[in-house]
């Protein structure tokens, strides 16, 4: 794989200034997201804490990630990667107590799934499509992208508790970017040893029996 990374103009195996710019931009956007949800929490509304905690965990894991063996340099892959963080544009909204309670419960379930996923993924986490090694154990025996699935669960809980047109539009946009991001990651991983065998054994990306 290292030899291919050196020869392929669309894959690089070194740390670039764009990676540091990506980190800085993420810190800025996430700060605005956490400020919006922190103000709500200070007012005594804790319904979105699980989702905010999950986003904080994702940001931390990204900033402390293991540097990739090879990272895509395709502009579309970078655009998709940035778009994957559009969930940080979600904003809290006052509403009925029952949907808020249900939304919080869904967020907690998703957060638990995130913890399980990261216990197997470790620091092999990133945004731009890259090869950080193949994971095949734990939830990766069920679907090929369990962290994405967990993220959709927590984000769905946020939407249930905060069902504004803005949040629904952000959810839809994030879903599109995440699907494209999954495809980009699998394109890079296709050169990893045993990936074809793993993909044949674990057929579904997110939902068993569906996709």
N, C-alpha and C. Protein backbone atom coordinates (compact mmCIF):
# COMPACT_ATOMS: atom_id res chain seq x y z
N UNK A 1 0.83 -1.21 0.00
CA UNK A 1 0.00 0.00 0.00
C UNK A 1 0.86 1.26 0.00
N UNK A 2 2.00 1.21 0.75
CA UNK A 2 2.88 2.37 0.81
C UNK A 2 3.43 2.71 -0.55
N UNK A 3 3.78 1.68 -1.33
CA UNK A 3 4.31 1.92 -2.67
C UNK A 3 3.26 2.55 -3.55
N UNK A 4 2.03 2.09 -3.40
CA UNK A 4 0.96 2.65 -4.21
C UNK A 4 0.72 4.10 -3.83
N UNK A 5 0.76 4.40 -2.53
CA UNK A 5 0.54 5.76 -2.06
C UNK A 5 1.57 6.71 -2.64
N UNK A 6 2.82 6.24 -2.77
CA UNK A 6 3.87 7.09 -3.31
C UNK A 6 3.67 7.34 -4.79
N UNK A 7 3.07 6.40 -5.50
CA UNK A 7 2.93 6.52 -6.94
C UNK A 7 1.62 7.17 -7.36
N UNK A 8 0.61 7.06 -6.53
CA UNK A 8 -0.71 7.56 -6.89
C UNK A 8 -0.81 9.04 -6.57
N UNK A 9 -1.04 9.91 -7.57
CA UNK A 9 -1.12 11.35 -7.32
C UNK A 9 -2.35 11.75 -6.53
N UNK A 10 -3.29 10.84 -6.36
CA UNK A 10 -4.51 11.17 -5.62
C UNK A 10 -4.48 10.65 -4.19
N UNK A 11 -3.34 10.11 -3.77
CA UNK A 11 -3.19 9.62 -2.41
C UNK A 11 -1.83 10.07 -1.90
N UNK A 12 -1.76 10.57 -0.66
CA UNK A 12 -0.48 10.97 -0.10
C UNK A 12 -0.27 10.27 1.23
N UNK A 13 0.98 10.11 1.62
CA UNK A 13 1.31 9.39 2.84
C UNK A 13 2.07 10.27 3.82
N UNK A 14 1.97 11.61 3.71
CA UNK A 14 2.65 12.49 4.63
C UNK A 14 1.67 13.53 5.17
N UNK A 15 2.07 14.21 6.22
CA UNK A 15 1.22 15.22 6.84
C UNK A 15 1.36 16.52 6.05
N UNK A 16 0.26 17.13 5.66
CA UNK A 16 0.30 18.34 4.85
C UNK A 16 -0.27 19.53 5.64
N UNK A 17 0.06 20.75 5.19
CA UNK A 17 -0.52 21.93 5.85
C UNK A 17 -2.04 21.93 5.82
N UNK A 18 -2.64 21.32 4.79
CA UNK A 18 -4.10 21.30 4.71
C UNK A 18 -4.70 20.54 5.88
N UNK A 19 -3.99 19.54 6.41
CA UNK A 19 -4.49 18.80 7.57
C UNK A 19 -4.57 19.70 8.79
N UNK A 20 -3.58 20.57 8.96
CA UNK A 20 -3.60 21.47 10.10
C UNK A 20 -4.67 22.55 9.93
N UNK A 21 -4.88 23.01 8.70
CA UNK A 21 -5.95 23.98 8.45
C UNK A 21 -7.31 23.35 8.72
N UNK A 22 -7.45 22.07 8.36
CA UNK A 22 -8.69 21.35 8.62
C UNK A 22 -8.96 21.28 10.12
N UNK A 23 -7.91 21.00 10.90
CA UNK A 23 -8.06 20.92 12.35
C UNK A 23 -8.50 22.26 12.92
N UNK A 24 -7.88 23.35 12.45
CA UNK A 24 -8.20 24.67 12.97
C UNK A 24 -9.64 25.06 12.64
N UNK A 25 -10.08 24.77 11.41
CA UNK A 25 -11.45 25.09 11.01
C UNK A 25 -12.46 24.30 11.85
N UNK A 26 -12.14 23.05 12.11
CA UNK A 26 -13.04 22.21 12.90
C UNK A 26 -13.16 22.74 14.32
N UNK A 27 -12.05 23.17 14.91
CA UNK A 27 -12.09 23.73 16.26
C UNK A 27 -12.98 24.97 16.30
N UNK A 28 -12.89 25.81 15.29
CA UNK A 28 -13.70 27.03 15.25
C UNK A 28 -15.19 26.71 15.16
N UNK A 29 -15.55 25.84 14.22
CA UNK A 29 -16.97 25.51 14.03
C UNK A 29 -17.54 24.78 15.24
N UNK A 30 -16.76 23.86 15.79
CA UNK A 30 -17.25 23.10 16.94
C UNK A 30 -17.40 23.99 18.17
N UNK A 31 -16.55 25.01 18.29
CA UNK A 31 -16.68 25.94 19.41
C UNK A 31 -18.03 26.65 19.37
N UNK A 32 -18.46 27.07 18.19
CA UNK A 32 -19.76 27.72 18.05
C UNK A 32 -20.89 26.76 18.40
N UNK A 33 -20.75 25.50 17.98
CA UNK A 33 -21.77 24.49 18.29
C UNK A 33 -21.86 24.27 19.79
N UNK A 34 -20.73 24.09 20.44
CA UNK A 34 -20.74 23.80 21.88
C UNK A 34 -21.22 25.02 22.68
N UNK A 35 -20.92 26.21 22.20
CA UNK A 35 -21.39 27.41 22.89
C UNK A 35 -22.92 27.48 22.86
N UNK A 36 -23.51 27.19 21.70
CA UNK A 36 -24.97 27.23 21.58
C UNK A 36 -25.63 26.23 22.51
N UNK A 37 -25.08 25.02 22.60
CA UNK A 37 -25.67 24.00 23.45
C UNK A 37 -25.31 24.19 24.92
N UNK A 38 -24.15 24.79 25.20
CA UNK A 38 -23.78 25.07 26.59
C UNK A 38 -24.69 26.13 27.19
N UNK A 39 -25.05 27.13 26.41
CA UNK A 39 -25.97 28.15 26.91
C UNK A 39 -27.31 27.54 27.28
N UNK A 40 -27.77 26.59 26.47
CA UNK A 40 -29.03 25.92 26.78
C UNK A 40 -28.90 25.09 28.05
N UNK A 41 -27.76 24.40 28.22
CA UNK A 41 -27.55 23.60 29.42
C UNK A 41 -27.49 24.47 30.66
N UNK A 42 -26.87 25.64 30.55
CA UNK A 42 -26.79 26.56 31.69
C UNK A 42 -28.17 27.08 32.09
N UNK A 43 -29.08 27.09 31.13
CA UNK A 43 -30.46 27.50 31.43
C UNK A 43 -31.29 26.36 32.02
N UNK A 44 -30.66 25.20 32.21
CA UNK A 44 -31.35 24.08 32.82
C UNK A 44 -31.94 23.08 31.86
N UNK A 45 -31.70 23.25 30.55
CA UNK A 45 -32.21 22.32 29.55
C UNK A 45 -31.08 21.36 29.14
N UNK A 46 -31.20 20.12 29.58
CA UNK A 46 -30.12 19.15 29.39
C UNK A 46 -30.43 18.12 28.31
N UNK A 47 -31.50 18.34 27.55
CA UNK A 47 -31.98 17.31 26.64
C UNK A 47 -31.01 16.99 25.51
N UNK A 48 -30.11 17.92 25.17
CA UNK A 48 -29.21 17.68 24.04
C UNK A 48 -27.79 17.37 24.47
N UNK A 49 -27.60 17.15 25.76
CA UNK A 49 -26.26 16.87 26.26
C UNK A 49 -25.64 15.62 25.62
N UNK A 50 -26.40 14.50 25.46
CA UNK A 50 -25.76 13.31 24.85
C UNK A 50 -25.21 13.57 23.46
N UNK A 51 -25.97 14.29 22.62
CA UNK A 51 -25.50 14.56 21.27
C UNK A 51 -24.29 15.49 21.30
N UNK A 52 -24.35 16.52 22.15
CA UNK A 52 -23.22 17.44 22.27
C UNK A 52 -21.98 16.70 22.77
N UNK A 53 -22.18 15.78 23.71
CA UNK A 53 -21.05 14.99 24.21
C UNK A 53 -20.46 14.13 23.10
N UNK A 54 -21.34 13.54 22.29
CA UNK A 54 -20.86 12.72 21.17
C UNK A 54 -20.05 13.56 20.20
N UNK A 55 -20.51 14.75 19.89
CA UNK A 55 -19.77 15.61 18.98
C UNK A 55 -18.42 15.99 19.57
N UNK A 56 -18.41 16.25 20.88
CA UNK A 56 -17.14 16.56 21.53
C UNK A 56 -16.17 15.39 21.46
N UNK A 57 -16.70 14.18 21.63
CA UNK A 57 -15.86 12.98 21.53
C UNK A 57 -15.32 12.83 20.12
N UNK A 58 -16.17 13.05 19.11
CA UNK A 58 -15.73 12.93 17.72
C UNK A 58 -14.63 13.94 17.41
N UNK A 59 -14.81 15.18 17.89
CA UNK A 59 -13.80 16.21 17.66
C UNK A 59 -12.49 15.83 18.33
N UNK A 60 -12.58 15.35 19.58
CA UNK A 60 -11.36 14.95 20.30
C UNK A 60 -10.65 13.81 19.58
N UNK A 61 -11.42 12.79 19.17
CA UNK A 61 -10.82 11.66 18.49
C UNK A 61 -10.18 12.07 17.17
N UNK A 62 -10.82 13.03 16.50
CA UNK A 62 -10.26 13.50 15.24
C UNK A 62 -8.95 14.23 15.46
N UNK A 63 -8.92 15.12 16.46
CA UNK A 63 -7.71 15.92 16.69
C UNK A 63 -6.56 15.07 17.22
N UNK A 64 -6.87 13.94 17.88
CA UNK A 64 -5.83 13.07 18.42
C UNK A 64 -5.64 11.84 17.57
N UNK A 65 -6.14 11.85 16.35
CA UNK A 65 -6.15 10.68 15.48
C UNK A 65 -4.74 10.22 15.12
N UNK A 66 -4.65 8.94 14.79
CA UNK A 66 -3.42 8.39 14.25
C UNK A 66 -3.29 8.85 12.80
N UNK A 67 -2.13 9.34 12.45
CA UNK A 67 -1.92 9.80 11.08
C UNK A 67 -2.03 8.62 10.11
N UNK A 68 -2.64 8.90 8.98
CA UNK A 68 -2.98 7.83 8.05
C UNK A 68 -1.76 7.29 7.31
N UNK A 69 -1.88 6.03 6.89
CA UNK A 69 -0.89 5.44 6.00
C UNK A 69 -0.94 6.17 4.66
N UNK A 70 -2.14 6.46 4.20
CA UNK A 70 -2.34 7.17 2.94
C UNK A 70 -3.66 7.91 3.00
N UNK A 71 -3.66 9.16 2.52
CA UNK A 71 -4.85 10.00 2.55
C UNK A 71 -5.18 10.47 1.15
N UNK A 72 -6.46 10.46 0.82
CA UNK A 72 -6.88 10.92 -0.50
C UNK A 72 -6.59 12.41 -0.68
N UNK A 73 -6.18 12.79 -1.87
CA UNK A 73 -6.00 14.20 -2.21
C UNK A 73 -7.05 14.68 -3.19
N UNK A 74 -8.05 13.85 -3.46
CA UNK A 74 -9.11 14.26 -4.39
C UNK A 74 -9.91 15.41 -3.80
N UNK A 75 -10.09 16.51 -4.52
CA UNK A 75 -10.85 17.64 -3.99
C UNK A 75 -12.26 17.26 -3.53
N UNK A 76 -12.91 16.35 -4.27
CA UNK A 76 -14.25 15.93 -3.88
C UNK A 76 -14.23 15.22 -2.53
N UNK A 77 -13.22 14.41 -2.28
CA UNK A 77 -13.13 13.71 -1.00
C UNK A 77 -12.96 14.70 0.15
N UNK A 78 -12.21 15.77 -0.09
CA UNK A 78 -12.03 16.78 0.96
C UNK A 78 -13.32 17.57 1.18
N UNK A 79 -14.04 17.85 0.10
CA UNK A 79 -15.32 18.55 0.23
C UNK A 79 -16.31 17.69 1.01
N UNK A 80 -16.35 16.41 0.68
CA UNK A 80 -17.25 15.48 1.39
C UNK A 80 -16.85 15.39 2.86
N UNK A 81 -15.55 15.37 3.13
CA UNK A 81 -15.08 15.29 4.51
C UNK A 81 -15.52 16.50 5.33
N UNK A 82 -15.37 17.67 4.75
CA UNK A 82 -15.80 18.90 5.44
C UNK A 82 -17.31 18.88 5.63
N UNK A 83 -18.03 18.42 4.61
CA UNK A 83 -19.48 18.36 4.71
C UNK A 83 -19.95 17.40 5.78
N UNK A 84 -19.12 16.41 6.13
CA UNK A 84 -19.50 15.48 7.16
C UNK A 84 -19.65 16.10 8.53
N UNK A 85 -19.07 17.30 8.71
CA UNK A 85 -19.18 18.00 9.99
C UNK A 85 -20.35 18.98 10.02
N UNK A 86 -21.22 18.94 9.01
CA UNK A 86 -22.35 19.87 9.01
C UNK A 86 -23.32 19.62 10.15
N UNK A 87 -23.22 18.48 10.82
CA UNK A 87 -24.05 18.23 12.00
C UNK A 87 -23.79 19.27 13.08
N UNK A 88 -22.62 19.91 13.04
CA UNK A 88 -22.31 20.97 14.01
C UNK A 88 -23.15 22.22 13.77
N UNK A 89 -23.90 22.26 12.68
CA UNK A 89 -24.79 23.39 12.42
C UNK A 89 -26.16 23.20 13.08
N UNK A 90 -26.43 22.04 13.65
CA UNK A 90 -27.69 21.81 14.35
C UNK A 90 -27.78 22.74 15.56
N UNK A 91 -28.99 23.21 15.83
CA UNK A 91 -29.17 24.15 16.92
C UNK A 91 -30.34 23.73 17.81
N UNK A 92 -30.22 23.94 19.14
CA UNK A 92 -31.30 23.56 20.06
C UNK A 92 -32.54 24.41 19.84
N UNK A 93 -33.69 23.82 20.19
CA UNK A 93 -34.97 24.51 20.00
C UNK A 93 -35.95 24.04 21.07
N UNK A 94 -36.67 24.98 21.67
CA UNK A 94 -37.69 24.63 22.66
C UNK A 94 -38.87 23.97 21.97
N UNK A 95 -39.42 22.94 22.62
CA UNK A 95 -40.56 22.25 22.04
C UNK A 95 -41.31 21.48 23.09
N UNK A 96 -42.15 20.53 22.67
CA UNK A 96 -42.94 19.73 23.60
C UNK A 96 -42.04 18.79 24.38
N UNK A 97 -42.42 18.53 25.63
CA UNK A 97 -41.58 17.73 26.52
C UNK A 97 -41.47 16.27 26.09
N UNK A 98 -42.56 15.69 25.56
CA UNK A 98 -42.53 14.27 25.19
C UNK A 98 -41.55 14.00 24.05
N UNK A 99 -41.60 14.75 22.94
CA UNK A 99 -40.58 14.53 21.89
C UNK A 99 -39.17 14.78 22.39
N UNK A 100 -39.00 15.76 23.28
CA UNK A 100 -37.68 16.04 23.81
C UNK A 100 -37.16 14.86 24.63
N UNK A 101 -38.04 14.26 25.43
CA UNK A 101 -37.65 13.11 26.23
C UNK A 101 -37.29 11.93 25.33
N UNK A 102 -38.11 11.69 24.31
CA UNK A 102 -37.82 10.60 23.37
C UNK A 102 -36.51 10.86 22.63
N UNK A 103 -36.31 12.11 22.23
CA UNK A 103 -35.08 12.46 21.53
C UNK A 103 -33.85 12.25 22.38
N UNK A 104 -33.95 12.60 23.66
CA UNK A 104 -32.82 12.39 24.57
C UNK A 104 -32.52 10.91 24.73
N UNK A 105 -33.56 10.08 24.85
CA UNK A 105 -33.36 8.63 24.99
C UNK A 105 -32.66 8.06 23.77
N UNK A 106 -33.05 8.52 22.58
CA UNK A 106 -32.40 8.05 21.35
C UNK A 106 -30.94 8.50 21.31
N UNK A 107 -30.69 9.73 21.76
CA UNK A 107 -29.32 10.23 21.80
C UNK A 107 -28.45 9.38 22.73
N UNK A 108 -28.99 9.02 23.88
CA UNK A 108 -28.23 8.20 24.83
C UNK A 108 -27.91 6.84 24.21
N UNK A 109 -28.87 6.25 23.51
CA UNK A 109 -28.63 4.96 22.86
C UNK A 109 -27.52 5.10 21.81
N UNK A 110 -27.58 6.16 21.01
CA UNK A 110 -26.55 6.38 20.01
C UNK A 110 -25.19 6.61 20.63
N UNK A 111 -25.15 7.37 21.74
CA UNK A 111 -23.88 7.63 22.41
C UNK A 111 -23.26 6.34 22.93
N UNK A 112 -24.08 5.44 23.45
CA UNK A 112 -23.57 4.14 23.90
C UNK A 112 -22.96 3.37 22.73
N UNK A 113 -23.61 3.42 21.57
CA UNK A 113 -23.07 2.75 20.39
C UNK A 113 -21.76 3.37 19.94
N UNK A 114 -21.64 4.69 20.09
CA UNK A 114 -20.39 5.37 19.75
C UNK A 114 -19.26 4.86 20.63
N UNK A 115 -19.51 4.75 21.93
CA UNK A 115 -18.48 4.24 22.85
C UNK A 115 -18.04 2.83 22.46
N UNK A 116 -19.00 1.98 22.11
CA UNK A 116 -18.67 0.62 21.70
C UNK A 116 -17.81 0.65 20.44
N UNK A 117 -18.23 1.47 19.46
CA UNK A 117 -17.48 1.55 18.22
C UNK A 117 -16.06 2.03 18.43
N UNK A 118 -15.87 3.07 19.26
CA UNK A 118 -14.54 3.62 19.48
C UNK A 118 -13.67 2.68 20.30
N UNK A 119 -14.29 1.82 21.11
CA UNK A 119 -13.50 0.87 21.87
C UNK A 119 -12.77 -0.11 20.95
N UNK A 120 -13.29 -0.29 19.73
CA UNK A 120 -12.64 -1.15 18.75
C UNK A 120 -11.86 -0.34 17.70
N UNK A 121 -12.31 0.86 17.44
CA UNK A 121 -11.64 1.68 16.42
C UNK A 121 -10.37 2.31 16.96
N UNK A 122 -10.38 2.75 18.22
CA UNK A 122 -9.22 3.41 18.78
C UNK A 122 -8.96 4.76 18.12
N UNK A 123 -7.70 5.06 17.87
CA UNK A 123 -7.32 6.34 17.29
C UNK A 123 -7.31 6.32 15.76
N UNK A 124 -7.81 5.23 15.19
CA UNK A 124 -7.86 5.14 13.72
C UNK A 124 -9.10 5.83 13.20
N UNK A 125 -9.20 7.13 13.49
CA UNK A 125 -10.38 7.91 13.15
C UNK A 125 -9.95 9.15 12.41
N UNK A 126 -10.69 9.48 11.37
CA UNK A 126 -10.37 10.68 10.62
C UNK A 126 -11.59 11.19 9.89
N UNK A 127 -11.38 12.17 9.03
CA UNK A 127 -12.47 12.77 8.27
C UNK A 127 -12.28 12.53 6.79
N UNK A 128 -11.13 12.96 6.26
CA UNK A 128 -10.85 12.74 4.85
C UNK A 128 -10.58 11.25 4.62
N UNK A 129 -11.08 10.73 3.52
CA UNK A 129 -10.89 9.31 3.21
C UNK A 129 -9.41 8.95 3.30
N UNK A 130 -9.10 7.91 4.11
CA UNK A 130 -7.71 7.54 4.34
C UNK A 130 -7.62 6.08 4.77
N UNK A 131 -6.42 5.55 4.67
CA UNK A 131 -6.15 4.20 5.13
C UNK A 131 -5.47 4.28 6.49
N UNK A 132 -6.21 3.95 7.55
CA UNK A 132 -5.65 3.90 8.91
C UNK A 132 -5.68 2.47 9.45
N UNK A 133 -5.76 1.53 8.57
CA UNK A 133 -5.81 0.14 8.98
C UNK A 133 -7.23 -0.40 8.96
N UNK A 134 -7.36 -1.70 8.79
CA UNK A 134 -8.66 -2.34 8.68
C UNK A 134 -9.11 -2.87 10.04
N UNK A 135 -10.34 -2.54 10.44
CA UNK A 135 -10.93 -3.03 11.67
C UNK A 135 -12.00 -4.06 11.32
N UNK A 136 -11.96 -5.21 12.01
CA UNK A 136 -12.88 -6.29 11.63
C UNK A 136 -13.58 -6.92 12.84
N UNK A 137 -13.29 -6.45 14.05
CA UNK A 137 -13.84 -7.09 15.24
C UNK A 137 -15.00 -6.30 15.84
N UNK A 138 -15.65 -6.88 16.85
CA UNK A 138 -16.73 -6.19 17.55
C UNK A 138 -17.87 -5.82 16.61
N UNK A 139 -18.33 -4.56 16.68
CA UNK A 139 -19.44 -4.14 15.82
C UNK A 139 -19.10 -4.16 14.34
N UNK A 140 -17.80 -4.21 14.03
CA UNK A 140 -17.38 -4.29 12.63
C UNK A 140 -17.67 -5.66 12.03
N UNK A 141 -18.10 -6.60 12.87
CA UNK A 141 -18.55 -7.89 12.36
C UNK A 141 -19.99 -7.81 11.84
N UNK A 142 -20.71 -6.77 12.25
CA UNK A 142 -22.12 -6.61 11.88
C UNK A 142 -22.31 -5.70 10.68
N UNK A 143 -21.67 -4.53 10.74
CA UNK A 143 -21.70 -3.58 9.62
C UNK A 143 -20.30 -3.01 9.44
N UNK A 144 -20.02 -2.50 8.27
CA UNK A 144 -18.66 -2.04 7.98
C UNK A 144 -18.38 -0.66 8.56
N UNK A 145 -19.44 0.08 8.92
CA UNK A 145 -19.23 1.44 9.43
C UNK A 145 -20.12 1.69 10.66
N UNK A 146 -19.85 1.01 11.76
CA UNK A 146 -20.71 1.13 12.95
C UNK A 146 -20.69 2.52 13.58
N UNK A 147 -19.58 3.27 13.47
CA UNK A 147 -19.55 4.61 14.06
C UNK A 147 -20.47 5.55 13.29
N UNK A 148 -20.51 5.40 11.98
CA UNK A 148 -21.45 6.20 11.19
C UNK A 148 -22.88 5.88 11.60
N UNK A 149 -23.16 4.59 11.78
CA UNK A 149 -24.51 4.20 12.21
C UNK A 149 -24.84 4.83 13.55
N UNK A 150 -23.91 4.77 14.50
CA UNK A 150 -24.14 5.35 15.82
C UNK A 150 -24.38 6.86 15.72
N UNK A 151 -23.62 7.51 14.86
CA UNK A 151 -23.77 8.96 14.68
C UNK A 151 -25.16 9.29 14.13
N UNK A 152 -25.65 8.49 13.19
CA UNK A 152 -26.99 8.72 12.66
C UNK A 152 -28.04 8.54 13.76
N UNK A 153 -27.81 7.61 14.68
CA UNK A 153 -28.77 7.40 15.78
C UNK A 153 -28.81 8.64 16.68
N UNK A 154 -27.66 9.12 17.12
CA UNK A 154 -27.65 10.29 18.00
C UNK A 154 -28.19 11.52 17.28
N UNK A 155 -27.85 11.69 16.01
CA UNK A 155 -28.34 12.83 15.27
C UNK A 155 -29.85 12.76 15.08
N UNK A 156 -30.37 11.55 14.86
CA UNK A 156 -31.82 11.37 14.75
C UNK A 156 -32.50 11.77 16.06
N UNK A 157 -31.89 11.40 17.19
CA UNK A 157 -32.45 11.79 18.48
C UNK A 157 -32.49 13.30 18.65
N UNK A 158 -31.45 13.96 18.16
CA UNK A 158 -31.41 15.42 18.23
C UNK A 158 -32.56 16.02 17.41
N UNK A 159 -32.81 15.46 16.25
CA UNK A 159 -33.89 15.96 15.39
C UNK A 159 -35.24 15.73 16.03
N UNK A 160 -35.43 14.57 16.66
CA UNK A 160 -36.71 14.28 17.33
C UNK A 160 -36.98 15.31 18.42
N UNK A 161 -35.95 15.68 19.16
CA UNK A 161 -36.13 16.65 20.23
C UNK A 161 -36.10 18.09 19.79
N UNK A 162 -35.58 18.35 18.59
CA UNK A 162 -35.45 19.72 18.08
C UNK A 162 -35.87 19.76 16.61
N UNK A 163 -37.15 19.48 16.32
CA UNK A 163 -37.59 19.27 14.93
C UNK A 163 -37.91 20.57 14.18
N UNK A 164 -36.89 21.38 13.94
CA UNK A 164 -37.09 22.60 13.18
C UNK A 164 -36.76 22.35 11.71
N UNK A 165 -37.31 23.14 10.79
CA UNK A 165 -36.95 22.99 9.37
C UNK A 165 -35.44 23.09 9.14
N UNK A 166 -34.79 24.00 9.87
CA UNK A 166 -33.34 24.15 9.74
C UNK A 166 -32.62 22.86 10.11
N UNK A 167 -32.97 22.29 11.26
CA UNK A 167 -32.30 21.07 11.72
C UNK A 167 -32.57 19.90 10.80
N UNK A 168 -33.79 19.80 10.28
CA UNK A 168 -34.11 18.71 9.36
C UNK A 168 -33.30 18.84 8.08
N UNK A 169 -33.15 20.07 7.59
CA UNK A 169 -32.35 20.29 6.38
C UNK A 169 -30.89 19.95 6.63
N UNK A 170 -30.37 20.33 7.80
CA UNK A 170 -28.98 20.01 8.14
C UNK A 170 -28.79 18.49 8.23
N UNK A 171 -29.76 17.80 8.83
CA UNK A 171 -29.71 16.35 8.94
C UNK A 171 -29.63 15.71 7.55
N UNK A 172 -30.49 16.17 6.63
CA UNK A 172 -30.51 15.61 5.29
C UNK A 172 -29.19 15.85 4.58
N UNK A 173 -28.66 17.07 4.71
CA UNK A 173 -27.39 17.41 4.07
C UNK A 173 -26.25 16.57 4.65
N UNK A 174 -26.23 16.44 5.97
CA UNK A 174 -25.19 15.64 6.61
C UNK A 174 -25.26 14.19 6.16
N UNK A 175 -26.47 13.66 6.04
CA UNK A 175 -26.64 12.27 5.61
C UNK A 175 -26.06 12.05 4.22
N UNK A 176 -26.28 12.99 3.32
CA UNK A 176 -25.73 12.88 1.96
C UNK A 176 -24.21 12.87 2.01
N UNK A 177 -23.64 13.81 2.76
CA UNK A 177 -22.18 13.87 2.86
C UNK A 177 -21.60 12.61 3.49
N UNK A 178 -22.27 12.08 4.50
CA UNK A 178 -21.75 10.89 5.17
C UNK A 178 -21.77 9.67 4.25
N UNK A 179 -22.81 9.54 3.46
CA UNK A 179 -22.87 8.43 2.51
C UNK A 179 -21.74 8.55 1.49
N UNK A 180 -21.51 9.75 0.99
CA UNK A 180 -20.41 9.96 0.04
C UNK A 180 -19.06 9.71 0.71
N UNK A 181 -18.97 10.07 1.98
CA UNK A 181 -17.74 9.85 2.73
C UNK A 181 -17.46 8.36 2.90
N UNK A 182 -18.50 7.60 3.17
CA UNK A 182 -18.35 6.15 3.28
C UNK A 182 -17.82 5.56 1.99
N UNK A 183 -18.38 5.99 0.88
CA UNK A 183 -17.94 5.47 -0.42
C UNK A 183 -16.47 5.84 -0.68
N UNK A 184 -16.09 7.05 -0.31
CA UNK A 184 -14.70 7.47 -0.51
C UNK A 184 -13.75 6.65 0.36
N UNK A 185 -14.13 6.40 1.60
CA UNK A 185 -13.29 5.60 2.48
C UNK A 185 -13.12 4.19 1.94
N UNK A 186 -14.20 3.61 1.44
CA UNK A 186 -14.11 2.25 0.94
C UNK A 186 -13.26 2.17 -0.33
N UNK A 187 -13.25 3.24 -1.10
CA UNK A 187 -12.38 3.25 -2.28
C UNK A 187 -10.92 3.18 -1.87
N UNK A 188 -10.55 3.91 -0.81
CA UNK A 188 -9.18 3.89 -0.33
C UNK A 188 -8.84 2.54 0.29
N UNK A 189 -9.77 2.01 1.10
CA UNK A 189 -9.53 0.75 1.79
C UNK A 189 -9.50 -0.45 0.85
N UNK A 190 -10.01 -0.26 -0.35
CA UNK A 190 -10.06 -1.39 -1.29
C UNK A 190 -8.67 -1.92 -1.62
N UNK A 191 -7.62 -1.10 -1.38
CA UNK A 191 -6.26 -1.55 -1.63
C UNK A 191 -5.64 -2.22 -0.42
N UNK A 192 -6.37 -2.25 0.70
CA UNK A 192 -5.86 -2.87 1.91
C UNK A 192 -5.95 -4.39 1.82
N UNK A 193 -4.91 -5.06 2.29
CA UNK A 193 -4.92 -6.53 2.29
C UNK A 193 -6.13 -7.05 3.05
N UNK A 194 -6.78 -8.04 2.50
CA UNK A 194 -7.93 -8.72 3.10
C UNK A 194 -9.22 -7.90 3.09
N UNK A 195 -9.20 -6.70 2.48
CA UNK A 195 -10.43 -5.90 2.51
C UNK A 195 -11.53 -6.54 1.65
N UNK A 196 -11.16 -7.09 0.52
CA UNK A 196 -12.15 -7.74 -0.35
C UNK A 196 -12.82 -8.90 0.39
N UNK A 197 -12.02 -9.65 1.14
CA UNK A 197 -12.58 -10.77 1.91
C UNK A 197 -13.49 -10.26 3.02
N UNK A 198 -13.06 -9.18 3.68
CA UNK A 198 -13.89 -8.59 4.75
C UNK A 198 -15.21 -8.06 4.20
N UNK A 199 -15.15 -7.37 3.07
CA UNK A 199 -16.35 -6.82 2.46
C UNK A 199 -17.31 -7.92 2.03
N UNK A 200 -16.78 -9.06 1.59
CA UNK A 200 -17.63 -10.18 1.21
C UNK A 200 -18.28 -10.81 2.44
N UNK A 201 -17.55 -10.80 3.55
CA UNK A 201 -18.07 -11.40 4.78
C UNK A 201 -19.08 -10.49 5.47
N UNK A 202 -18.80 -9.18 5.50
CA UNK A 202 -19.72 -8.19 6.10
C UNK A 202 -20.30 -7.39 4.94
N UNK A 203 -21.47 -7.77 4.51
CA UNK A 203 -22.02 -7.25 3.26
C UNK A 203 -22.54 -5.82 3.36
N UNK A 204 -22.99 -5.41 4.55
CA UNK A 204 -23.71 -4.14 4.65
C UNK A 204 -22.88 -3.06 5.33
N UNK A 205 -23.06 -1.86 4.85
CA UNK A 205 -22.29 -0.72 5.36
C UNK A 205 -22.87 -0.18 6.67
N UNK A 206 -24.19 0.08 6.67
CA UNK A 206 -24.83 0.72 7.83
C UNK A 206 -25.95 -0.11 8.44
N UNK A 207 -26.88 -0.59 7.60
CA UNK A 207 -28.06 -1.28 8.08
C UNK A 207 -28.10 -2.69 7.51
N UNK A 208 -27.99 -3.71 8.35
CA UNK A 208 -28.05 -5.09 7.85
C UNK A 208 -29.34 -5.34 7.08
N UNK A 209 -29.19 -5.90 5.91
CA UNK A 209 -30.34 -6.21 5.06
C UNK A 209 -30.79 -5.07 4.18
N UNK A 210 -30.24 -3.87 4.37
CA UNK A 210 -30.68 -2.70 3.60
C UNK A 210 -29.51 -2.10 2.80
N UNK A 211 -28.47 -1.63 3.49
CA UNK A 211 -27.34 -0.97 2.79
C UNK A 211 -26.07 -1.03 3.64
